[in-house]
Amino acid sequence: MYMWSRAIPSVYLRITPIGYGDYMNNRVPYDEFSMFHENAAEYGIAYTSPLVVSRVFVTMPDGRKMSALKWGNDTPRVVFLHGGAQNAHTWDTVALALNVPLLCIDLPGHGHSDSAAPFDATALPLQQNAADIAHVIRELAPEALGVVGMSLGGLTTLALSRDWPALVRKMVLVDITPGVNQEKTKQITDFVNGPATFPSFEDLLERTIQFNPTRTVESLRRGILHNALQTEDGSWVWRYRRDDAPALPEVDGKVERPSTASLWEAIQHFGKPLMFVRGMRPQSVVTDEDEEELRRRASSVRVEHIAEAGHSVQGDTPLELAALIRDFLRL
């Protein structure tokens, strides 16, 4: 039996009293634990209230705080890492479908986690992310059967397996390989690098719908409420936009994102059970060539294609993803 846990202050949002509307007429409290029944209803998951879901924090050696959602009272059996510009709540429906103790971590600079440490040009790809995640897993989920990582979370999982191999007993990569590049992620980066602020919730929702044609409006609405904040003047900003985010190097006036190609070696040397889940709709950032290279590097990899999913497999087809994870990790 699960129970709700409210461990953080409420953030106040504006919402109309007759549904989604323009969200600007009345100010009501936002409770991040109040929408699980909507996830369950949308996907036909048996739902018994209350749930045990708590917001937990871990302090890094440098004083920064990392945050996560802990599902259940027992030691988490699975760790989930979300994609860039997302947060731990992206896994809510998957977590409800699995119904086992698990931990969904907010990556540095996302959700309720503090920003990442200053960028270190001498570090290996995603080494700093991996170190933060390793600290959280050691404290909150040391016995996890596996780590599931989507997009940036998947690349971070690879770095974690490279630098802290004992913490990754099994690995699930969701629609990501080290072959990702700026061209393949252009649609995503165009969305993330859009307007810094939005005058109303409806403006933010409209833009989100345009860039996420495979998702239901209801799920996008929930996602925004978890991933955006309303400012004092009534405008909206993304939660993942941080003024103190670590600066990346620039070449000829353009931000130079470090290559992740060396993470192919992490796949090659992993040597443990690995499952790769690929969305087959055009929104995926994985090509046939990427999948071929993955198979070459890890001959025993389990590859699963989901026809109705794009890049955000957990958002498009959460029940199918949960079933694959349950079977792979033997939950």
Protein backbone atom coordinates (compact mmCIF):
# COMPACT_ATOMS: atom_id res chain seq x y z
CA MET A 1 0.00 0.00 0.00
CA TYR A 2 1.33 3.41 -0.97
CA MET A 3 0.79 6.81 0.70
CA TRP A 4 1.29 10.33 -0.54
CA SER A 5 4.11 12.31 0.97
CA ARG A 6 4.38 16.09 0.67
CA ALA A 7 7.94 17.05 1.51
CA ILE A 8 8.30 20.36 -0.37
CA PRO A 9 6.48 23.70 -0.35
CA SER A 10 3.70 24.24 -2.86
CA VAL A 11 4.32 26.41 -5.90
CA TYR A 12 1.31 28.51 -6.83
CA LEU A 13 -0.13 28.43 -10.35
CA ARG A 14 -3.03 30.14 -12.07
CA ILE A 15 -5.84 27.96 -13.35
CA THR A 16 -9.39 28.49 -14.53
CA PRO A 17 -12.18 26.87 -12.49
CA ILE A 18 -13.75 25.19 -15.56
CA GLY A 19 -10.91 23.04 -16.85
CA TYR A 20 -7.70 23.89 -18.63
CA GLY A 21 -8.71 27.31 -20.02
CA ASP A 22 -6.17 30.09 -19.97
CA TYR A 23 -4.93 29.34 -16.42
CA MET A 24 -4.92 33.02 -15.59
CA ASN A 25 -8.15 33.70 -13.67
CA ASN A 26 -7.55 32.15 -10.26
CA ARG A 27 -4.47 31.30 -8.29
CA VAL A 28 -4.48 27.82 -6.80
CA PRO A 29 -1.74 25.72 -5.17
CA TYR A 30 0.22 23.27 -7.30
CA ASP A 31 0.75 19.94 -5.61
CA GLU A 32 3.14 17.69 -7.50
CA PHE A 33 1.56 14.61 -5.91
CA SER A 34 -2.01 15.45 -6.88
CA MET A 35 -2.17 14.25 -10.50
CA PHE A 36 -1.23 10.59 -10.35
CA HIS A 37 -4.88 9.58 -10.64
CA GLU A 38 -4.97 11.37 -14.02
CA ASN A 39 -2.01 9.34 -15.29
CA ALA A 40 -3.69 6.16 -14.10
CA ALA A 41 -7.07 7.03 -15.63
CA GLU A 42 -5.59 7.97 -19.01
CA TYR A 43 -3.88 4.60 -19.37
CA GLY A 44 -6.34 2.36 -17.53
CA ILE A 45 -4.02 1.57 -14.63
CA ALA A 46 -5.63 0.31 -11.43
CA TYR A 47 -5.24 3.12 -8.92
CA THR A 48 -5.57 2.92 -5.15
CA SER A 49 -5.07 6.09 -3.16
CA PRO A 50 -3.06 7.06 -1.25
CA LEU A 51 0.39 6.42 -2.79
CA VAL A 52 3.77 6.50 -1.06
CA VAL A 53 5.71 8.95 -3.23
CA SER A 54 8.12 11.39 -1.60
CA ARG A 55 10.40 14.21 -2.71
CA VAL A 56 13.87 13.48 -1.35
CA PHE A 57 17.15 15.41 -1.44
CA VAL A 58 20.81 14.40 -1.31
CA THR A 59 23.59 16.87 -0.59
CA MET A 60 26.65 16.72 -2.85
CA PRO A 61 30.18 17.12 -1.42
CA ASP A 62 30.27 20.70 -2.75
CA GLY A 63 26.98 21.60 -1.04
CA ARG A 64 24.71 21.40 -4.07
CA LYS A 65 21.52 19.39 -3.63
CA MET A 66 20.24 16.66 -5.91
CA SER A 67 16.56 15.74 -5.81
CA ALA A 68 14.51 12.67 -6.68
CA LEU A 69 11.10 11.10 -6.41
CA LYS A 70 11.12 7.96 -4.29
CA TRP A 71 8.24 5.57 -4.97
CA GLY A 72 7.44 3.19 -2.13
CA ASN A 73 8.93 2.65 1.32
CA ASP A 74 11.40 -0.10 0.48
CA THR A 75 14.83 0.19 -1.12
CA PRO A 76 14.32 1.15 -4.80
CA ARG A 77 14.68 -1.71 -7.24
CA VAL A 78 15.06 0.50 -10.32
CA VAL A 79 16.64 3.90 -10.97
CA PHE A 80 15.25 6.16 -13.73
CA LEU A 81 17.10 9.05 -15.41
CA HIS A 82 15.09 11.44 -17.59
CA GLY A 83 16.08 13.30 -20.75
CA GLY A 84 17.32 16.84 -21.18
CA ALA A 85 14.80 19.60 -20.32
CA GLN A 86 12.61 17.01 -18.54
CA ASN A 87 12.33 16.00 -14.89
CA ALA A 88 11.61 12.99 -12.69
CA HIS A 89 7.86 13.22 -13.26
CA THR A 90 8.28 12.11 -16.88
CA TRP A 91 8.30 8.55 -15.47
CA ASP A 92 5.06 8.84 -13.45
CA THR A 93 2.92 6.61 -15.66
CA VAL A 94 5.70 4.03 -16.04
CA ALA A 95 6.13 4.02 -12.25
CA LEU A 96 2.39 3.53 -11.71
CA ALA A 97 2.35 0.65 -14.20
CA LEU A 98 5.35 -1.08 -12.60
CA ASN A 99 4.10 -0.62 -9.01
CA VAL A 100 7.46 -1.49 -7.42
CA PRO A 101 9.80 0.59 -5.26
CA LEU A 102 11.87 2.82 -7.54
CA LEU A 103 13.79 6.08 -7.71
CA CYS A 104 13.39 8.78 -10.37
CA ILE A 105 16.25 11.29 -10.16
CA ASP A 106 16.22 14.90 -11.37
CA LEU A 107 19.41 15.42 -13.37
CA PRO A 108 21.61 18.38 -12.37
CA GLY A 109 19.94 21.64 -13.37
CA HIS A 110 16.57 19.96 -13.89
CA GLY A 111 13.45 19.58 -11.79
CA HIS A 112 14.28 20.30 -8.15
CA SER A 113 18.00 19.51 -8.41
CA ASP A 114 20.53 22.32 -8.18
CA SER A 115 22.53 23.30 -11.24
CA ALA A 116 25.47 21.25 -12.36
CA ALA A 117 28.98 22.00 -11.18
CA PRO A 118 31.00 24.42 -13.37
CA PHE A 119 31.88 22.87 -16.71
CA ASP A 120 35.20 21.03 -16.68
CA ALA A 121 36.72 20.81 -20.16
CA THR A 122 39.15 18.13 -18.97
CA ALA A 123 36.40 15.76 -17.81
CA LEU A 124 35.26 12.77 -19.82
CA PRO A 125 31.86 13.09 -21.52
CA LEU A 126 29.16 13.42 -18.83
CA GLN A 127 31.65 12.53 -16.10
CA GLN A 128 30.29 15.25 -13.84
CA ASN A 129 26.68 14.17 -14.34
CA ALA A 130 27.66 10.57 -13.61
CA ALA A 131 29.43 11.56 -10.39
CA ASP A 132 26.33 13.36 -9.11
CA ILE A 133 24.06 10.46 -10.01
CA ALA A 134 26.45 7.95 -8.44
CA HIS A 135 26.32 9.88 -5.17
CA VAL A 136 22.51 9.75 -5.17
CA ILE A 137 22.32 6.05 -6.05
CA ARG A 138 24.84 5.07 -3.37
CA GLU A 139 22.76 6.87 -0.77
CA LEU A 140 19.21 6.07 -1.91
CA ALA A 141 19.26 3.02 -4.23
CA PRO A 142 22.45 0.99 -3.68
CA GLU A 143 20.70 -2.32 -4.41
CA ALA A 144 18.93 -1.27 -7.61
CA LEU A 145 18.62 -4.08 -10.15
CA GLY A 146 19.15 -1.71 -13.06
CA VAL A 147 19.28 1.84 -14.36
CA VAL A 148 16.90 3.09 -17.05
CA GLY A 149 18.05 6.17 -18.93
CA MET A 150 16.27 8.10 -21.69
CA SER A 151 18.08 10.55 -24.02
CA LEU A 152 20.47 12.64 -21.87
CA GLY A 153 19.64 10.27 -19.01
CA GLY A 154 20.71 7.35 -21.19
CA LEU A 155 24.04 8.97 -22.04
CA THR A 156 24.49 9.72 -18.34
CA THR A 157 23.76 6.04 -17.61
CA LEU A 158 26.53 5.06 -20.01
CA ALA A 159 28.94 7.43 -18.27
CA LEU A 160 27.82 6.00 -14.93
CA SER A 161 28.54 2.45 -16.13
CA ARG A 162 31.98 3.60 -17.29
CA ASP A 163 32.93 5.44 -14.08
CA TRP A 164 30.91 3.56 -11.44
CA PRO A 165 30.30 0.09 -12.96
CA ALA A 166 29.18 -1.53 -9.69
CA LEU A 167 26.13 0.75 -9.58
CA VAL A 168 24.77 -0.40 -12.97
CA ARG A 169 23.87 -4.08 -12.76
CA LYS A 170 21.62 -3.93 -15.82
CA MET A 171 21.06 -1.07 -18.24
CA VAL A 172 18.10 0.11 -20.32
CA LEU A 173 18.76 2.79 -22.96
CA VAL A 174 15.60 4.51 -24.17
CA ASP A 175 15.87 5.98 -27.68
CA ILE A 176 19.49 7.09 -27.40
CA THR A 177 22.94 5.99 -28.52
CA PRO A 178 26.32 7.74 -28.49
CA GLY A 179 25.73 8.43 -32.17
CA VAL A 180 23.38 11.31 -31.30
CA ASN A 181 24.36 14.72 -32.66
CA GLN A 182 22.95 18.22 -33.11
CA GLU A 183 21.44 17.39 -36.49
CA LYS A 184 19.50 14.41 -35.12
CA THR A 185 18.22 16.40 -32.15
CA LYS A 186 17.39 19.59 -34.05
CA GLN A 187 13.64 19.38 -33.42
CA ILE A 188 14.26 18.93 -29.70
CA THR A 189 16.83 21.71 -29.41
CA ASP A 190 14.59 24.05 -31.42
CA PHE A 191 11.90 23.49 -28.81
CA VAL A 192 14.21 23.79 -25.80
CA ASN A 193 15.91 26.90 -27.18
CA GLY A 194 12.59 28.64 -27.87
CA PRO A 195 11.21 31.64 -25.98
CA ALA A 196 12.57 32.14 -22.48
CA THR A 197 9.17 33.22 -21.15
CA PHE A 198 5.52 32.79 -22.09
CA PRO A 199 2.76 35.28 -21.28
CA SER A 200 0.24 32.58 -20.35
CA PHE A 201 -0.08 28.89 -19.68
CA GLU A 202 -2.03 28.44 -22.90
CA ASP A 203 0.83 29.94 -24.93
CA LEU A 204 3.20 27.48 -23.35
CA LEU A 205 0.80 24.57 -23.87
CA GLU A 206 0.22 25.51 -27.51
CA ARG A 207 3.94 25.52 -28.29
CA THR A 208 4.40 22.22 -26.48
CA ILE A 209 1.61 20.59 -28.48
CA GLN A 210 3.18 21.76 -31.75
CA PHE A 211 6.46 20.05 -30.91
CA ASN A 212 4.93 16.89 -29.41
CA PRO A 213 2.37 15.58 -31.91
CA THR A 214 2.48 12.04 -30.51
CA ARG A 215 1.37 13.02 -27.00
CA THR A 216 -2.10 13.60 -25.61
CA VAL A 217 -3.01 17.12 -24.52
CA GLU A 218 -3.74 15.82 -21.02
CA SER A 219 -0.27 14.34 -20.60
CA LEU A 220 1.38 17.49 -21.99
CA ARG A 221 -0.61 19.63 -19.57
CA ARG A 222 0.60 17.55 -16.63
CA GLY A 223 4.13 17.65 -17.94
CA ILE A 224 4.11 21.45 -18.13
CA LEU A 225 2.72 21.82 -14.63
CA HIS A 226 5.60 19.70 -13.37
CA ASN A 227 8.22 21.39 -15.55
CA ALA A 228 7.31 25.10 -15.56
CA LEU A 229 6.89 27.90 -13.03
CA GLN A 230 4.70 30.99 -13.03
CA THR A 231 6.55 34.18 -12.13
CA GLU A 232 5.24 37.09 -10.09
CA ASP A 233 4.12 38.99 -13.20
CA GLY A 234 2.02 36.02 -14.36
CA SER A 235 4.35 34.86 -17.15
CA TRP A 236 5.73 31.34 -17.32
CA VAL A 237 9.28 29.99 -17.48
CA TRP A 238 10.64 26.48 -17.79
CA ARG A 239 11.87 24.96 -14.56
CA TYR A 240 15.05 23.70 -16.26
CA ARG A 241 16.18 27.20 -17.31
CA ARG A 242 18.87 28.16 -14.82
CA ASP A 243 20.79 31.45 -15.02
CA ASP A 244 23.72 29.81 -13.29
CA ALA A 245 23.91 26.77 -15.57
CA PRO A 246 27.50 25.85 -16.45
CA ALA A 247 28.71 27.61 -19.59
CA LEU A 248 29.81 25.42 -22.48
CA PRO A 249 32.78 26.41 -24.64
CA GLU A 250 32.18 28.38 -27.84
CA VAL A 251 33.83 27.97 -31.24
CA ASP A 252 33.39 30.78 -33.77
CA GLY A 253 30.61 32.23 -31.63
CA LYS A 254 28.67 28.96 -31.45
CA VAL A 255 28.25 26.73 -28.42
CA GLU A 256 30.39 23.64 -28.82
CA ARG A 257 28.73 20.64 -27.28
CA PRO A 258 31.20 17.92 -26.30
CA SER A 259 31.00 14.81 -28.45
CA THR A 260 29.53 11.71 -26.85
CA ALA A 261 31.07 9.34 -29.42
CA SER A 262 33.56 7.96 -26.89
CA LEU A 263 30.62 6.49 -24.96
CA TRP A 264 30.46 3.75 -27.61
CA GLU A 265 33.36 2.25 -25.67
CA ALA A 266 31.22 2.22 -22.52
CA ILE A 267 28.69 0.07 -24.38
CA GLN A 268 31.41 -2.20 -25.71
CA HIS A 269 32.92 -2.75 -22.26
CA PHE A 270 29.70 -2.93 -20.25
CA GLY A 271 29.56 -6.73 -20.31
CA LYS A 272 26.23 -6.97 -18.48
CA PRO A 273 22.58 -7.28 -19.58
CA LEU A 274 21.66 -4.36 -21.83
CA MET A 275 18.31 -3.51 -23.43
CA PHE A 276 17.82 -0.83 -26.06
CA VAL A 277 14.31 0.51 -26.65
CA ARG A 278 13.83 2.52 -29.83
CA GLY A 279 10.84 4.61 -30.83
CA MET A 280 10.11 4.11 -34.52
CA ARG A 281 8.23 7.33 -35.27
CA PRO A 282 10.08 10.19 -36.99
CA GLN A 283 10.61 12.04 -33.70
CA SER A 284 13.20 9.44 -32.66
CA VAL A 285 16.83 10.60 -32.58
CA VAL A 286 18.17 7.14 -33.45
CA THR A 287 19.02 5.99 -36.98
CA ASP A 288 19.39 2.51 -38.42
CA GLU A 289 23.14 3.14 -38.54
CA ASP A 290 23.14 3.92 -34.81
CA GLU A 291 21.31 0.69 -34.05
CA GLU A 292 23.68 -1.28 -36.26
CA GLU A 293 26.68 0.16 -34.41
CA LEU A 294 25.04 -0.66 -31.09
CA ARG A 295 24.56 -4.27 -32.14
CA ARG A 296 28.17 -4.42 -33.29
CA ARG A 297 29.47 -3.07 -29.99
CA ALA A 298 27.23 -5.26 -27.83
CA SER A 299 26.34 -8.44 -29.64
CA SER A 300 24.07 -9.69 -26.86
CA VAL A 301 22.03 -6.49 -26.58
CA ARG A 302 18.27 -6.91 -26.49
CA VAL A 303 16.72 -4.53 -29.02
CA GLU A 304 13.05 -3.57 -28.86
CA HIS A 305 11.20 -1.40 -31.40
CA ILE A 306 8.01 0.44 -30.42
CA ALA A 307 6.08 1.43 -33.52
CA GLU A 308 3.83 4.04 -31.90
CA ALA A 309 6.56 5.87 -29.99
CA GLY A 310 8.79 8.75 -30.96
CA HIS A 311 11.76 9.94 -28.91
CA SER A 312 9.78 10.20 -25.67
CA VAL A 313 8.89 6.53 -25.37
CA GLN A 314 7.84 6.90 -21.73
CA GLY A 315 5.38 9.63 -22.75
CA ASP A 316 4.06 8.05 -25.96
CA THR A 317 3.75 4.40 -24.90
CA PRO A 318 4.39 4.12 -21.15
CA LEU A 319 2.60 0.79 -20.68
CA GLU A 320 4.63 -0.89 -23.42
CA LEU A 321 7.84 0.48 -21.96
CA ALA A 322 6.90 -0.61 -18.45
CA ALA A 323 6.17 -4.14 -19.67
CA LEU A 324 9.57 -4.35 -21.36
CA ILE A 325 11.35 -3.08 -18.23
CA ARG A 326 9.44 -5.50 -16.00
CA ASP A 327 10.41 -8.44 -18.19
CA PHE A 328 14.04 -7.39 -18.65
CA LEU A 329 14.71 -6.67 -14.96
CA ARG A 330 12.47 -9.58 -13.82
CA LEU A 331 10.50 -7.35 -11.47
